[in-house]
């Protein structure tokens, strides 16, 4: 019991639920993935939920879990992975994992509350505040979906050169934010 993945289907999608075990064999994490076809008939997957075991946080477990998942997707024909962030530090982690804004959604929906998190952030460092101002200016002046529009990864890196105790401005800004991202699954050469 609990060692197998659980599957169900709803309309035109398949949901996969799984538990994550600690090295001692206890279940302390879980994930949910939804597979369906996009408008072109290509397979896409939505990362609905991921709870990394507490004792594995900060040790690279989540990063490795996602890397192995993406390798699986590539070898099995998945074209795109979609995420909706909002839990804990997911907004930051998905940005660092290379997810870009989901431009199939309108700007306000895709960017979610990241813009207000930028507006509300204050740090007593003029260099960091200048970075935030520059990114906000580009968000205001660059057309949605244009290559010059600031990426989630750029926001995640704000103030990284002033990193203290594994925390910096970009990580604080994106942690807990809700936004929609997507990543194309491209085989490595």
Protein backbone atom coordinates (compact mmCIF):
# COMPACT_ATOMS: atom_id res chain seq x y z
CA UNK A 1 0.00 0.00 0.00
CA UNK A 2 1.39 3.43 -0.89
CA UNK A 3 4.33 2.12 -2.93
CA UNK A 4 2.57 2.62 -6.25
CA UNK A 5 1.51 5.67 -8.14
CA UNK A 6 -2.18 6.41 -8.19
CA UNK A 7 -3.85 7.43 -11.43
CA UNK A 8 -7.22 8.83 -12.34
CA UNK A 9 -8.63 10.48 -15.39
CA UNK A 10 -10.94 13.42 -15.79
CA UNK A 11 -12.23 14.55 -19.14
CA UNK A 12 -9.19 14.53 -21.42
CA UNK A 13 -6.46 14.40 -18.77
CA UNK A 14 -4.69 11.83 -16.61
CA UNK A 15 -3.68 12.74 -13.08
CA UNK A 16 -0.72 11.02 -11.43
CA UNK A 17 -0.36 11.10 -7.64
CA UNK A 18 2.73 9.82 -5.88
CA UNK A 19 4.39 9.75 -2.52
CA UNK A 20 8.00 10.63 -1.80
CA UNK A 21 9.83 8.42 0.66
CA UNK A 22 12.68 9.36 2.95
CA UNK A 23 15.78 7.11 2.93
CA UNK A 24 14.24 5.41 6.00
CA UNK A 25 11.17 4.44 3.96
CA UNK A 26 8.67 6.88 5.48
CA UNK A 27 6.38 8.89 3.22
CA UNK A 28 6.91 12.56 3.94
CA UNK A 29 6.37 14.23 0.58
CA UNK A 30 4.05 13.98 -2.38
CA UNK A 31 3.44 15.17 -5.92
CA UNK A 32 0.60 15.50 -8.41
CA UNK A 33 1.01 15.77 -12.18
CA UNK A 34 -1.71 16.26 -14.81
CA UNK A 35 -1.05 15.05 -18.37
CA UNK A 36 -3.15 16.16 -21.33
CA UNK A 37 -2.91 17.32 -24.93
CA UNK A 38 -2.48 20.94 -25.95
CA UNK A 39 -4.34 22.56 -28.86
CA UNK A 40 -1.78 21.12 -31.32
CA UNK A 41 -2.21 17.58 -30.01
CA UNK A 42 1.15 17.61 -28.21
CA UNK A 43 1.52 16.08 -24.75
CA UNK A 44 1.90 18.58 -21.94
CA UNK A 45 2.11 18.12 -18.19
CA UNK A 46 1.07 20.43 -15.40
CA UNK A 47 3.01 20.26 -12.16
CA UNK A 48 -0.01 20.62 -9.90
CA UNK A 49 1.68 19.96 -6.56
CA UNK A 50 5.07 19.10 -5.08
CA UNK A 51 5.80 18.79 -1.38
CA UNK A 52 9.46 18.06 -0.74
CA UNK A 53 10.13 16.22 2.55
CA UNK A 54 11.20 18.67 5.27
CA UNK A 55 14.48 16.84 5.90
CA UNK A 56 15.34 17.07 2.18
CA UNK A 57 14.73 20.83 1.81
CA UNK A 58 17.80 22.81 0.87
CA UNK A 59 19.74 19.65 0.03
CA UNK A 60 19.03 19.66 -3.71
CA UNK A 61 16.34 16.95 -3.58
CA UNK A 62 13.66 19.04 -5.31
CA UNK A 63 16.08 20.15 -8.01
CA UNK A 64 17.10 16.54 -8.71
CA UNK A 65 13.47 15.37 -8.64
CA UNK A 66 12.55 17.97 -11.26
CA UNK A 67 15.64 17.19 -13.38
CA UNK A 68 14.78 13.48 -13.47
CA UNK A 69 11.13 14.26 -14.20
CA UNK A 70 12.11 16.48 -17.13
CA UNK A 71 14.42 13.79 -18.52
CA UNK A 72 11.51 11.34 -18.33
CA UNK A 73 9.21 13.82 -20.09
CA UNK A 74 11.69 14.41 -22.91
CA UNK A 75 12.19 10.69 -23.58
CA UNK A 76 8.41 10.14 -23.54
CA UNK A 77 7.42 12.94 -25.92
CA UNK A 78 6.14 15.60 -23.51
CA UNK A 79 6.53 18.97 -25.23
CA UNK A 80 5.85 21.38 -22.37
CA UNK A 81 5.57 21.59 -18.60
CA UNK A 82 3.25 24.16 -17.01
CA UNK A 83 3.25 25.36 -13.41
CA UNK A 84 1.17 27.59 -11.22
CA UNK A 85 3.19 28.80 -8.25
CA UNK A 86 2.01 30.07 -4.91
CA UNK A 87 3.05 27.70 -2.15
CA UNK A 88 5.95 28.54 0.14
CA UNK A 89 9.00 29.26 -2.01
CA UNK A 90 7.69 27.65 -5.22
CA UNK A 91 7.68 30.94 -7.14
CA UNK A 92 11.40 31.25 -6.56
CA UNK A 93 12.25 27.58 -7.26
CA UNK A 94 10.28 27.38 -10.53
CA UNK A 95 11.99 30.59 -11.71
CA UNK A 96 15.43 29.12 -10.96
CA UNK A 97 14.40 25.88 -12.71
CA UNK A 98 14.10 27.84 -15.98
CA UNK A 99 10.35 28.38 -16.18
CA UNK A 100 9.32 31.41 -18.19
CA UNK A 101 6.06 33.33 -18.01
CA UNK A 102 3.17 31.45 -19.60
CA UNK A 103 2.47 33.85 -22.46
CA UNK A 104 -0.60 31.86 -23.51
CA UNK A 105 -2.26 33.67 -20.60
CA UNK A 106 -2.70 37.42 -20.42
CA UNK A 107 0.03 39.37 -18.65
CA UNK A 108 -1.90 40.07 -15.43
CA UNK A 109 -2.82 36.42 -14.97
CA UNK A 110 0.61 35.04 -15.85
CA UNK A 111 2.65 37.52 -13.79
CA UNK A 112 0.14 37.22 -10.96
CA UNK A 113 1.22 39.02 -7.81
CA UNK A 114 4.92 39.31 -8.75
CA UNK A 115 4.42 42.93 -9.82
CA UNK A 116 2.94 43.87 -6.44
CA UNK A 117 5.70 41.92 -4.64
CA UNK A 118 8.22 44.08 -6.54
CA UNK A 119 6.24 47.23 -5.63
CA UNK A 120 6.12 46.31 -1.95
CA UNK A 121 9.72 45.21 -1.54
CA UNK A 122 12.09 47.54 0.23
CA UNK A 123 15.70 46.91 1.08
CA UNK A 124 18.09 49.50 2.44
CA UNK A 125 20.45 49.11 -0.51
CA UNK A 126 20.25 51.52 -3.44
CA UNK A 127 21.80 49.00 -5.85
CA UNK A 128 19.04 46.45 -5.18
CA UNK A 129 16.32 49.10 -5.36
CA UNK A 130 17.79 50.27 -8.67
CA UNK A 131 17.64 46.69 -10.04
CA UNK A 132 13.99 46.43 -8.98
CA UNK A 133 13.19 49.79 -10.59
CA UNK A 134 14.90 48.75 -13.84
CA UNK A 135 12.95 45.49 -14.00
CA UNK A 136 9.67 47.27 -13.26
CA UNK A 137 10.43 49.78 -15.99
CA UNK A 138 11.07 47.00 -18.50
CA UNK A 139 7.86 45.25 -17.44
CA UNK A 140 5.92 48.48 -18.03
CA UNK A 141 7.54 49.36 -21.36
CA UNK A 142 8.13 45.97 -23.01
CA UNK A 143 5.36 44.22 -24.91
CA UNK A 144 4.02 41.09 -23.20
CA UNK A 145 5.72 38.02 -24.65
CA UNK A 146 8.64 40.01 -26.12
CA UNK A 147 12.11 38.52 -25.53
CA UNK A 148 13.17 41.67 -23.62
CA UNK A 149 10.36 41.30 -21.04
CA UNK A 150 12.05 40.45 -17.69
CA UNK A 151 12.03 36.72 -16.96
CA UNK A 152 11.19 35.09 -13.63
CA UNK A 153 14.84 34.03 -13.43
CA UNK A 154 16.00 37.66 -13.71
CA UNK A 155 13.73 38.59 -10.83
CA UNK A 156 15.00 35.63 -8.78
CA UNK A 157 18.56 36.91 -9.19
CA UNK A 158 17.90 40.46 -7.92
CA UNK A 159 20.50 41.23 -5.28
CA UNK A 160 22.10 37.79 -5.33
CA UNK A 161 25.52 39.42 -4.99
CA UNK A 162 24.40 40.57 -1.51
CA UNK A 163 23.40 37.07 -0.42
CA UNK A 164 23.27 36.55 3.36
CA UNK A 165 22.32 33.29 5.11
CA UNK A 166 21.15 31.81 1.79
CA UNK A 167 18.67 34.67 1.29
CA UNK A 168 18.66 37.64 -1.07
CA UNK A 169 16.16 40.12 -2.49
CA UNK A 170 15.01 38.13 -5.55
CA UNK A 171 14.44 35.00 -3.51
CA UNK A 172 12.44 36.98 -0.94
CA UNK A 173 10.41 38.72 -3.65
CA UNK A 174 9.39 35.52 -5.47
CA UNK A 175 8.88 33.28 -2.42
CA UNK A 176 5.16 32.90 -1.89
CA UNK A 177 4.17 34.68 -5.11
CA UNK A 178 1.54 33.25 -7.43
CA UNK A 179 2.36 33.25 -11.13
CA UNK A 180 2.03 30.92 -14.14
CA UNK A 181 5.03 29.54 -15.95
CA UNK A 182 5.90 27.16 -18.73
CA UNK A 183 9.00 25.35 -19.93
CA UNK A 184 9.53 23.68 -23.28
CA UNK A 185 10.99 20.19 -23.06
CA UNK A 186 13.95 20.14 -25.41
CA UNK A 187 16.38 17.20 -25.59
CA UNK A 188 19.95 18.09 -24.69
CA UNK A 189 22.48 17.70 -27.52
